[in-house]
Amino acid sequence: MSESTAQKALAATRQALSEIDEELQRHTEGHGRVSSPQQLTSLREQLERVAVQLSTSPLPPKPQRLRGIGRVITDSWPYDNPLGSLILEAEQLYLRA
């Protein structure tokens, strides 16, 4: 595992978690822009597990890593959504780490 790739993946995952928290707050205030609180919470839980894996060594073998986060985004979110792009980037970096 490349340390720099894992570090980049962890940084992207933490950024995605932060942005999900902001979107959840917007939903709480009645101004959510994308998805539902339930879906965002589920994505957040999955990304938390990814962050834990990236923070500990060694990572699971690539075939055993968490997958499917990006599928939710590509199947149901607008293509130009910045949060969706950030989540997709975090997942791709994690899968390559």
PDB file of N, CA and C in Angstrom:
ATOM      1  N   MET A   1       0.850  -1.180   0.000  1.00  0.00           N
ATOM      2  CA  MET A   1       0.000   0.000   0.000  1.00  0.00           C
ATOM      3  C   MET A   1       0.885   1.229   0.000  1.00  0.00           C
ATOM      4  N   SER A   2       0.588   2.138  -0.873  1.00  0.00           N
ATOM      5  CA  SER A   2       1.312   3.397  -0.913  1.00  0.00           C
ATOM      6  C   SER A   2       0.800   4.305   0.195  1.00  0.00           C
ATOM      7  N   GLU A   3       1.711   4.728   1.058  1.00  0.00           N
ATOM      8  CA  GLU A   3       1.302   5.594   2.165  1.00  0.00           C
ATOM      9  C   GLU A   3       0.653   6.873   1.647  1.00  0.00           C
ATOM     10  N   SER A   4       1.224   7.447   0.602  1.00  0.00           N
ATOM     11  CA  SER A   4       0.663   8.691   0.105  1.00  0.00           C
ATOM     12  C   SER A   4      -0.740   8.483  -0.457  1.00  0.00           C
ATOM     13  N   THR A   5      -0.978   7.352  -1.101  1.00  0.00           N
ATOM     14  CA  THR A   5      -2.316   7.071  -1.621  1.00  0.00           C
ATOM     15  C   THR A   5      -3.300   6.889  -0.476  1.00  0.00           C
ATOM     16  N   ALA A   6      -2.907   6.163   0.555  1.00  0.00           N
ATOM     17  CA  ALA A   6      -3.785   5.975   1.713  1.00  0.00           C
ATOM     18  C   ALA A   6      -4.031   7.302   2.425  1.00  0.00           C
ATOM     19  N   GLN A   7      -3.018   8.136   2.533  1.00  0.00           N
ATOM     20  CA  GLN A   7      -3.180   9.440   3.166  1.00  0.00           C
ATOM     21  C   GLN A   7      -4.116  10.326   2.364  1.00  0.00           C
ATOM     22  N   LYS A   8      -3.971  10.306   1.041  1.00  0.00           N
ATOM     23  CA  LYS A   8      -4.871  11.081   0.186  1.00  0.00           C
ATOM     24  C   LYS A   8      -6.298  10.571   0.322  1.00  0.00           C
ATOM     25  N   ALA A   9      -6.445   9.257   0.364  1.00  0.00           N
ATOM     26  CA  ALA A   9      -7.775   8.665   0.518  1.00  0.00           C
ATOM     27  C   ALA A   9      -8.397   9.048   1.850  1.00  0.00           C
ATOM     28  N   LEU A  10      -7.598   9.028   2.908  1.00  0.00           N
ATOM     29  CA  LEU A  10      -8.112   9.401   4.229  1.00  0.00           C
ATOM     30  C   LEU A  10      -8.505  10.875   4.260  1.00  0.00           C
ATOM     31  N   ALA A  11      -7.683  11.737   3.676  1.00  0.00           N
ATOM     32  CA  ALA A  11      -8.010  13.165   3.639  1.00  0.00           C
ATOM     33  C   ALA A  11      -9.306  13.404   2.850  1.00  0.00           C
ATOM     34  N   ALA A  12      -9.450  12.740   1.706  1.00  0.00           N
ATOM     35  CA  ALA A  12     -10.666  12.895   0.899  1.00  0.00           C
ATOM     36  C   ALA A  12     -11.885  12.355   1.635  1.00  0.00           C
ATOM     37  N   THR A  13     -11.703  11.251   2.350  1.00  0.00           N
ATOM     38  CA  THR A  13     -12.807  10.665   3.110  1.00  0.00           C
ATOM     39  C   THR A  13     -13.230  11.600   4.238  1.00  0.00           C
ATOM     40  N   ARG A  14     -12.275  12.164   4.933  1.00  0.00           N
ATOM     41  CA  ARG A  14     -12.605  13.115   6.015  1.00  0.00           C
ATOM     42  C   ARG A  14     -13.305  14.350   5.464  1.00  0.00           C
ATOM     43  N   GLN A  15     -12.867  14.833   4.309  1.00  0.00           N
ATOM     44  CA  GLN A  15     -13.523  15.983   3.687  1.00  0.00           C
ATOM     45  C   GLN A  15     -14.959  15.629   3.309  1.00  0.00           C
ATOM     46  N   ALA A  16     -15.155  14.444   2.743  1.00  0.00           N
ATOM     47  CA  ALA A  16     -16.503  14.007   2.382  1.00  0.00           C
ATOM     48  C   ALA A  16     -17.389  13.900   3.623  1.00  0.00           C
ATOM     49  N   LEU A  17     -16.843  13.377   4.714  1.00  0.00           N
ATOM     50  CA  LEU A  17     -17.606  13.290   5.964  1.00  0.00           C
ATOM     51  C   LEU A  17     -18.015  14.668   6.451  1.00  0.00           C
ATOM     52  N   SER A  18     -17.112  15.607   6.380  1.00  0.00           N
ATOM     53  CA  SER A  18     -17.401  16.974   6.803  1.00  0.00           C
ATOM     54  C   SER A  18     -18.507  17.598   5.947  1.00  0.00           C
ATOM     55  N   GLU A  19     -18.419  17.380   4.649  1.00  0.00           N
ATOM     56  CA  GLU A  19     -19.432  17.931   3.738  1.00  0.00           C
ATOM     57  C   GLU A  19     -20.787  17.256   3.931  1.00  0.00           C
ATOM     58  N   ILE A  20     -20.785  15.966   4.221  1.00  0.00           N
ATOM     59  CA  ILE A  20     -22.047  15.284   4.521  1.00  0.00           C
ATOM     60  C   ILE A  20     -22.661  15.874   5.783  1.00  0.00           C
ATOM     61  N   ASP A  21     -21.839  16.138   6.796  1.00  0.00           N
ATOM     62  CA  ASP A  21     -22.346  16.759   8.025  1.00  0.00           C
ATOM     63  C   ASP A  21     -22.986  18.111   7.730  1.00  0.00           C
ATOM     64  N   GLU A  22     -22.360  18.889   6.853  1.00  0.00           N
ATOM     65  CA  GLU A  22     -22.930  20.190   6.492  1.00  0.00           C
ATOM     66  C   GLU A  22     -24.258  20.026   5.770  1.00  0.00           C
ATOM     67  N   GLU A  23     -24.343  19.047   4.868  1.00  0.00           N
ATOM     68  CA  GLU A  23     -25.596  18.812   4.159  1.00  0.00           C
ATOM     69  C   GLU A  23     -26.673  18.312   5.122  1.00  0.00           C
ATOM     70  N   LEU A  24     -26.308  17.468   6.070  1.00  0.00           N
ATOM     71  CA  LEU A  24     -27.272  17.028   7.082  1.00  0.00           C
ATOM     72  C   LEU A  24     -27.782  18.219   7.897  1.00  0.00           C
ATOM     73  N   GLN A  25     -26.897  19.146   8.220  1.00  0.00           N
ATOM     74  CA  GLN A  25     -27.310  20.346   8.954  1.00  0.00           C
ATOM     75  C   GLN A  25     -28.281  21.176   8.116  1.00  0.00           C
ATOM     76  N   ARG A  26     -28.005  21.298   6.821  1.00  0.00           N
ATOM     77  CA  ARG A  26     -28.926  22.032   5.941  1.00  0.00           C
ATOM     78  C   ARG A  26     -30.293  21.357   5.927  1.00  0.00           C
ATOM     79  N   HIS A  27     -30.318  20.025   5.908  1.00  0.00           N
ATOM     80  CA  HIS A  27     -31.600  19.308   5.947  1.00  0.00           C
ATOM     81  C   HIS A  27     -32.327  19.605   7.255  1.00  0.00           C
ATOM     82  N   THR A  28     -31.597  19.632   8.356  1.00  0.00           N
ATOM     83  CA  THR A  28     -32.197  19.939   9.658  1.00  0.00           C
ATOM     84  C   THR A  28     -32.852  21.319   9.641  1.00  0.00           C
ATOM     85  N   GLU A  29     -32.211  22.237   8.942  1.00  0.00           N
ATOM     86  CA  GLU A  29     -32.721  23.612   8.849  1.00  0.00           C
ATOM     87  C   GLU A  29     -33.763  23.778   7.747  1.00  0.00           C
ATOM     88  N   GLY A  30     -34.070  22.694   7.026  1.00  0.00           N
ATOM     89  CA  GLY A  30     -35.077  22.753   5.974  1.00  0.00           C
ATOM     90  C   GLY A  30     -34.556  23.239   4.637  1.00  0.00           C
ATOM     91  N   HIS A  31     -33.243  23.223   4.447  1.00  0.00           N
ATOM     92  CA  HIS A  31     -32.649  23.741   3.218  1.00  0.00           C
ATOM     93  C   HIS A  31     -31.750  22.717   2.534  1.00  0.00           C
ATOM     94  N   GLY A  32     -32.027  21.438   2.720  1.00  0.00           N
ATOM     95  CA  GLY A  32     -31.198  20.410   2.108  1.00  0.00           C
ATOM     96  C   GLY A  32     -31.204  20.528   0.597  1.00  0.00           C
ATOM     97  N   ARG A  33     -30.055  20.284  -0.002  1.00  0.00           N
ATOM     98  CA  ARG A  33     -29.919  20.442  -1.454  1.00  0.00           C
ATOM     99  C   ARG A  33     -29.907  19.124  -2.206  1.00  0.00           C
ATOM    100  N   VAL A  34     -29.567  18.050  -1.521  1.00  0.00           N
ATOM    101  CA  VAL A  34     -29.457  16.777  -2.214  1.00  0.00           C
ATOM    102  C   VAL A  34     -29.778  15.639  -1.257  1.00  0.00           C
ATOM    103  N   SER A  35     -30.356  14.585  -1.807  1.00  0.00           N
ATOM    104  CA  SER A  35     -30.591  13.353  -1.073  1.00  0.00           C
ATOM    105  C   SER A  35     -31.572  13.548   0.076  1.00  0.00           C
ATOM    106  N   SER A  36     -31.560  12.574   0.972  1.00  0.00           N
ATOM    107  CA  SER A  36     -32.409  12.611   2.166  1.00  0.00           C
ATOM    108  C   SER A  36     -31.512  12.420   3.386  1.00  0.00           C
ATOM    109  N   PRO A  37     -31.964  12.849   4.550  1.00  0.00           N
ATOM    110  CA  PRO A  37     -31.157  12.630   5.749  1.00  0.00           C
ATOM    111  C   PRO A  37     -30.831  11.148   5.973  1.00  0.00           C
ATOM    112  N   GLN A  38     -31.775  10.260   5.661  1.00  0.00           N
ATOM    113  CA  GLN A  38     -31.541   8.839   5.866  1.00  0.00           C
ATOM    114  C   GLN A  38     -30.418   8.333   4.959  1.00  0.00           C
ATOM    115  N   GLN A  39     -30.459   8.709   3.688  1.00  0.00           N
ATOM    116  CA  GLN A  39     -29.420   8.269   2.761  1.00  0.00           C
ATOM    117  C   GLN A  39     -28.071   8.877   3.128  1.00  0.00           C
ATOM    118  N   LEU A  40     -28.059  10.149   3.484  1.00  0.00           N
ATOM    119  CA  LEU A  40     -26.813  10.807   3.883  1.00  0.00           C
ATOM    120  C   LEU A  40     -26.220  10.149   5.124  1.00  0.00           C
ATOM    121  N   THR A  41     -27.070   9.789   6.072  1.00  0.00           N
ATOM    122  CA  THR A  41     -26.600   9.128   7.283  1.00  0.00           C
ATOM    123  C   THR A  41     -25.998   7.768   6.953  1.00  0.00           C
ATOM    124  N   SER A  42     -26.633   7.035   6.051  1.00  0.00           N
ATOM    125  CA  SER A  42     -26.110   5.735   5.638  1.00  0.00           C
ATOM    126  C   SER A  42     -24.756   5.893   4.941  1.00  0.00           C
ATOM    127  N   LEU A  43     -24.647   6.854   4.037  1.00  0.00           N
ATOM    128  CA  LEU A  43     -23.373   7.114   3.366  1.00  0.00           C
ATOM    129  C   LEU A  43     -22.307   7.509   4.376  1.00  0.00           C
ATOM    130  N   ARG A  44     -22.699   8.310   5.351  1.00  0.00           N
ATOM    131  CA  ARG A  44     -21.749   8.749   6.377  1.00  0.00           C
ATOM    132  C   ARG A  44     -21.223   7.556   7.170  1.00  0.00           C
ATOM    133  N   GLU A  45     -22.110   6.645   7.542  1.00  0.00           N
ATOM    134  CA  GLU A  45     -21.695   5.461   8.293  1.00  0.00           C
ATOM    135  C   GLU A  45     -20.709   4.612   7.487  1.00  0.00           C
ATOM    136  N   GLN A  46     -20.966   4.461   6.194  1.00  0.00           N
ATOM    137  CA  GLN A  46     -20.066   3.693   5.341  1.00  0.00           C
ATOM    138  C   GLN A  46     -18.706   4.378   5.236  1.00  0.00           C
ATOM    139  N   LEU A  47     -18.726   5.699   5.063  1.00  0.00           N
ATOM    140  CA  LEU A  47     -17.458   6.433   4.960  1.00  0.00           C
ATOM    141  C   LEU A  47     -16.693   6.427   6.280  1.00  0.00           C
ATOM    142  N   GLU A  48     -17.401   6.385   7.398  1.00  0.00           N
ATOM    143  CA  GLU A  48     -16.730   6.265   8.701  1.00  0.00           C
ATOM    144  C   GLU A  48     -15.959   4.950   8.767  1.00  0.00           C
ATOM    145  N   ARG A  49     -16.577   3.872   8.283  1.00  0.00           N
ATOM    146  CA  ARG A  49     -15.887   2.573   8.265  1.00  0.00           C
ATOM    147  C   ARG A  49     -14.666   2.619   7.350  1.00  0.00           C
ATOM    148  N   VAL A  50     -14.794   3.303   6.222  1.00  0.00           N
ATOM    149  CA  VAL A  50     -13.660   3.475   5.314  1.00  0.00           C
ATOM    150  C   VAL A  50     -12.536   4.227   6.021  1.00  0.00           C
ATOM    151  N   ALA A  51     -12.883   5.301   6.734  1.00  0.00           N
ATOM    152  CA  ALA A  51     -11.875   6.101   7.441  1.00  0.00           C
ATOM    153  C   ALA A  51     -11.157   5.263   8.493  1.00  0.00           C
ATOM    154  N   VAL A  52     -11.887   4.420   9.195  1.00  0.00           N
ATOM    155  CA  VAL A  52     -11.263   3.552  10.193  1.00  0.00           C
ATOM    156  C   VAL A  52     -10.280   2.603   9.516  1.00  0.00           C
ATOM    157  N   GLN A  53     -10.694   2.012   8.412  1.00  0.00           N
ATOM    158  CA  GLN A  53      -9.793   1.107   7.697  1.00  0.00           C
ATOM    159  C   GLN A  53      -8.539   1.837   7.211  1.00  0.00           C
ATOM    160  N   LEU A  54      -8.716   3.058   6.716  1.00  0.00           N
ATOM    161  CA  LEU A  54      -7.578   3.826   6.211  1.00  0.00           C
ATOM    162  C   LEU A  54      -6.650   4.270   7.336  1.00  0.00           C
ATOM    163  N   SER A  55      -7.184   4.372   8.541  1.00  0.00           N
ATOM    164  CA  SER A  55      -6.395   4.823   9.691  1.00  0.00           C
ATOM    165  C   SER A  55      -5.606   3.701  10.343  1.00  0.00           C
ATOM    166  N   THR A  56      -5.961   2.473  10.022  1.00  0.00           N
ATOM    167  CA  THR A  56      -5.273   1.326  10.611  1.00  0.00           C
ATOM    168  C   THR A  56      -4.602   0.526   9.505  1.00  0.00           C
ATOM    169  N   SER A  57      -3.547  -0.137   9.854  1.00  0.00           N
ATOM    170  CA  SER A  57      -2.851  -0.958   8.857  1.00  0.00           C
ATOM    171  C   SER A  57      -2.946  -2.411   9.268  1.00  0.00           C
ATOM    172  N   PRO A  58      -2.941  -3.274   8.348  1.00  0.00           N
ATOM    173  CA  PRO A  58      -3.026  -3.031   6.920  1.00  0.00           C
ATOM    174  C   PRO A  58      -4.476  -2.904   6.473  1.00  0.00           C
ATOM    175  N   LEU A  59      -4.663  -2.342   5.303  1.00  0.00           N
ATOM    176  CA  LEU A  59      -6.000  -2.295   4.711  1.00  0.00           C
ATOM    177  C   LEU A  59      -6.425  -3.703   4.320  1.00  0.00           C
ATOM    178  N   PRO A  60      -7.720  -3.971   4.284  1.00  0.00           N
ATOM    179  CA  PRO A  60      -8.163  -5.274   3.783  1.00  0.00           C
ATOM    180  C   PRO A  60      -7.714  -5.434   2.326  1.00  0.00           C
ATOM    181  N   PRO A  61      -7.555  -6.671   1.872  1.00  0.00           N
ATOM    182  CA  PRO A  61      -7.239  -6.873   0.460  1.00  0.00           C
ATOM    183  C   PRO A  61      -8.289  -6.180  -0.421  1.00  0.00           C
ATOM    184  N   LYS A  62      -7.884  -5.727  -1.571  1.00  0.00           N
ATOM    185  CA  LYS A  62      -8.790  -4.953  -2.440  1.00  0.00           C
ATOM    186  C   LYS A  62     -10.133  -5.634  -2.700  1.00  0.00           C
ATOM    187  N   PRO A  63     -10.167  -6.952  -2.950  1.00  0.00           N
ATOM    188  CA  PRO A  63     -11.475  -7.582  -3.184  1.00  0.00           C
ATOM    189  C   PRO A  63     -12.404  -7.555  -1.964  1.00  0.00           C
ATOM    190  N   GLN A  64     -11.864  -7.324  -0.778  1.00  0.00           N
ATOM    191  CA  GLN A  64     -12.668  -7.344   0.444  1.00  0.00           C
ATOM    192  C   GLN A  64     -13.007  -5.943   0.965  1.00  0.00           C
ATOM    193  N   ARG A  65     -12.653  -4.922   0.225  1.00  0.00           N
ATOM    194  CA  ARG A  65     -12.924  -3.553   0.693  1.00  0.00           C
ATOM    195  C   ARG A  65     -14.386  -3.191   0.499  1.00  0.00           C
ATOM    196  N   LEU A  66     -14.822  -2.229   1.288  1.00  0.00           N
ATOM    197  CA  LEU A  66     -16.198  -1.750   1.216  1.00  0.00           C
ATOM    198  C   LEU A  66     -16.449  -1.131  -0.149  1.00  0.00           C
ATOM    199  N   ARG A  67     -17.547  -1.486  -0.740  1.00  0.00           N
ATOM    200  CA  ARG A  67     -17.907  -0.972  -2.070  1.00  0.00           C
ATOM    201  C   ARG A  67     -19.375  -0.580  -2.080  1.00  0.00           C
ATOM    202  N   GLY A  68     -19.758   0.150  -3.103  1.00  0.00           N
ATOM    203  CA  GLY A  68     -21.162   0.471  -3.302  1.00  0.00           C
ATOM    204  C   GLY A  68     -21.539   1.900  -2.955  1.00  0.00           C
ATOM    205  N   ILE A  69     -20.648   2.607  -2.300  1.00  0.00           N
ATOM    206  CA  ILE A  69     -20.948   3.998  -1.938  1.00  0.00           C
ATOM    207  C   ILE A  69     -21.200   4.806  -3.205  1.00  0.00           C
ATOM    208  N   GLY A  70     -20.298   4.672  -4.157  1.00  0.00           N
ATOM    209  CA  GLY A  70     -20.408   5.433  -5.394  1.00  0.00           C
ATOM    210  C   GLY A  70     -21.628   5.080  -6.221  1.00  0.00           C
ATOM    211  N   ARG A  71     -22.057   3.829  -6.155  1.00  0.00           N
ATOM    212  CA  ARG A  71     -23.225   3.411  -6.937  1.00  0.00           C
ATOM    213  C   ARG A  71     -24.458   4.207  -6.529  1.00  0.00           C
ATOM    214  N   VAL A  72     -24.614   4.449  -5.241  1.00  0.00           N
ATOM    215  CA  VAL A  72     -25.755   5.235  -4.755  1.00  0.00           C
ATOM    216  C   VAL A  72     -25.720   6.628  -5.376  1.00  0.00           C
ATOM    217  N   ILE A  73     -24.526   7.210  -5.416  1.00  0.00           N
ATOM    218  CA  ILE A  73     -24.372   8.565  -5.946  1.00  0.00           C
ATOM    219  C   ILE A  73     -24.672   8.591  -7.440  1.00  0.00           C
ATOM    220  N   THR A  74     -24.061   7.696  -8.190  1.00  0.00           N
ATOM    221  CA  THR A  74     -24.227   7.725  -9.646  1.00  0.00           C
ATOM    222  C   THR A  74     -25.637   7.336 -10.079  1.00  0.00           C
ATOM    223  N   ASP A  75     -26.320   6.524  -9.277  1.00  0.00           N
ATOM    224  CA  ASP A  75     -27.670   6.094  -9.645  1.00  0.00           C
ATOM    225  C   ASP A  75     -28.754   7.123  -9.339  1.00  0.00           C
ATOM    226  N   SER A  76     -28.524   7.981  -8.329  1.00  0.00           N
ATOM    227  CA  SER A  76     -29.658   8.809  -7.908  1.00  0.00           C
ATOM    228  C   SER A  76     -29.350  10.291  -7.686  1.00  0.00           C
ATOM    229  N   TRP A  77     -28.105  10.702  -7.764  1.00  0.00           N
ATOM    230  CA  TRP A  77     -27.784  12.107  -7.521  1.00  0.00           C
ATOM    231  C   TRP A  77     -27.538  12.826  -8.838  1.00  0.00           C
ATOM    232  N   PRO A  78     -27.729  14.154  -8.852  1.00  0.00           N
ATOM    233  CA  PRO A  78     -27.387  14.923 -10.057  1.00  0.00           C
ATOM    234  C   PRO A  78     -25.890  14.778 -10.359  1.00  0.00           C
ATOM    235  N   TYR A  79     -25.563  14.681 -11.637  1.00  0.00           N
ATOM    236  CA  TYR A  79     -24.172  14.465 -12.043  1.00  0.00           C
ATOM    237  C   TYR A  79     -23.239  15.597 -11.635  1.00  0.00           C
ATOM    238  N   ASP A  80     -23.765  16.802 -11.537  1.00  0.00           N
ATOM    239  CA  ASP A  80     -22.912  17.957 -11.259  1.00  0.00           C
ATOM    240  C   ASP A  80     -22.885  18.345  -9.777  1.00  0.00           C
ATOM    241  N   ASN A  81     -23.336  17.454  -8.911  1.00  0.00           N
ATOM    242  CA  ASN A  81     -23.363  17.775  -7.488  1.00  0.00           C
ATOM    243  C   ASN A  81     -21.967  17.677  -6.882  1.00  0.00           C
ATOM    244  N   PRO A  82     -21.455  18.765  -6.270  1.00  0.00           N
ATOM    245  CA  PRO A  82     -20.100  18.740  -5.708  1.00  0.00           C
ATOM    246  C   PRO A  82     -19.911  17.720  -4.587  1.00  0.00           C
ATOM    247  N   LEU A  83     -20.906  17.528  -3.743  1.00  0.00           N
ATOM    248  CA  LEU A  83     -20.791  16.551  -2.666  1.00  0.00           C
ATOM    249  C   LEU A  83     -20.689  15.143  -3.253  1.00  0.00           C
ATOM    250  N   GLY A  84     -21.482  14.856  -4.258  1.00  0.00           N
ATOM    251  CA  GLY A  84     -21.409  13.562  -4.904  1.00  0.00           C
ATOM    252  C   GLY A  84     -20.036  13.315  -5.501  1.00  0.00           C
ATOM    253  N   SER A  85     -19.478  14.331  -6.139  1.00  0.00           N
ATOM    254  CA  SER A  85     -18.136  14.200  -6.727  1.00  0.00           C
ATOM    255  C   SER A  85     -17.095  13.935  -5.658  1.00  0.00           C
ATOM    256  N   LEU A  86     -17.226  14.603  -4.539  1.00  0.00           N
ATOM    257  CA  LEU A  86     -16.280  14.425  -3.433  1.00  0.00           C
ATOM    258  C   LEU A  86     -16.363  13.008  -2.857  1.00  0.00           C
ATOM    259  N   ILE A  87     -17.562  12.508  -2.688  1.00  0.00           N
ATOM    260  CA  ILE A  87     -17.746  11.151  -2.173  1.00  0.00           C
ATOM    261  C   ILE A  87     -17.181  10.127  -3.157  1.00  0.00           C
ATOM    262  N   LEU A  88     -17.452  10.322  -4.444  1.00  0.00           N
ATOM    263  CA  LEU A  88     -16.919   9.410  -5.464  1.00  0.00           C
ATOM    264  C   LEU A  88     -15.392   9.409  -5.466  1.00  0.00           C
ATOM    265  N   GLU A  89     -14.800  10.587  -5.344  1.00  0.00           N
ATOM    266  CA  GLU A  89     -13.339  10.677  -5.310  1.00  0.00           C
ATOM    267  C   GLU A  89     -12.777   9.935  -4.096  1.00  0.00           C
ATOM    268  N   ALA A  90     -13.397  10.125  -2.937  1.00  0.00           N
ATOM    269  CA  ALA A  90     -12.936   9.451  -1.722  1.00  0.00           C
ATOM    270  C   ALA A  90     -13.003   7.935  -1.895  1.00  0.00           C
ATOM    271  N   GLU A  91     -14.101   7.450  -2.460  1.00  0.00           N
ATOM    272  CA  GLU A  91     -14.231   6.004  -2.651  1.00  0.00           C
ATOM    273  C   GLU A  91     -13.170   5.489  -3.616  1.00  0.00           C
ATOM    274  N   GLN A  92     -12.957   6.176  -4.706  1.00  0.00           N
ATOM    275  CA  GLN A  92     -11.976   5.713  -5.695  1.00  0.00           C
ATOM    276  C   GLN A  92     -10.563   5.700  -5.118  1.00  0.00           C
ATOM    277  N   LEU A  93     -10.200   6.722  -4.357  1.00  0.00           N
ATOM    278  CA  LEU A  93      -8.875   6.740  -3.717  1.00  0.00           C
ATOM    279  C   LEU A  93      -8.736   5.581  -2.733  1.00  0.00           C
ATOM    280  N   TYR A  94      -9.777   5.315  -1.971  1.00  0.00           N
ATOM    281  CA  TYR A  94      -9.766   4.207  -1.014  1.00  0.00           C
ATOM    282  C   TYR A  94      -9.577   2.870  -1.734  1.00  0.00           C
ATOM    283  N   LEU A  95     -10.306   2.679  -2.821  1.00  0.00           N
ATOM    284  CA  LEU A  95     -10.211   1.407  -3.534  1.00  0.00           C
ATOM    285  C   LEU A  95      -8.857   1.223  -4.207  1.00  0.00           C
ATOM    286  N   ARG A  96      -8.161   2.316  -4.509  1.00  0.00           N
ATOM    287  CA  ARG A  96      -6.834   2.234  -5.121  1.00  0.00           C
ATOM    288  C   ARG A  96      -5.702   2.174  -4.096  1.00  0.00           C
ATOM    289  N   ALA A  97      -5.983   2.531  -2.863  1.00  0.00           N
ATOM    290  CA  ALA A  97      -4.923   2.604  -1.844  1.00  0.00           C
ATOM    291  C   ALA A  97      -4.319   1.236  -1.561  1.00  0.00           C
TER     292      ALA A  97
END
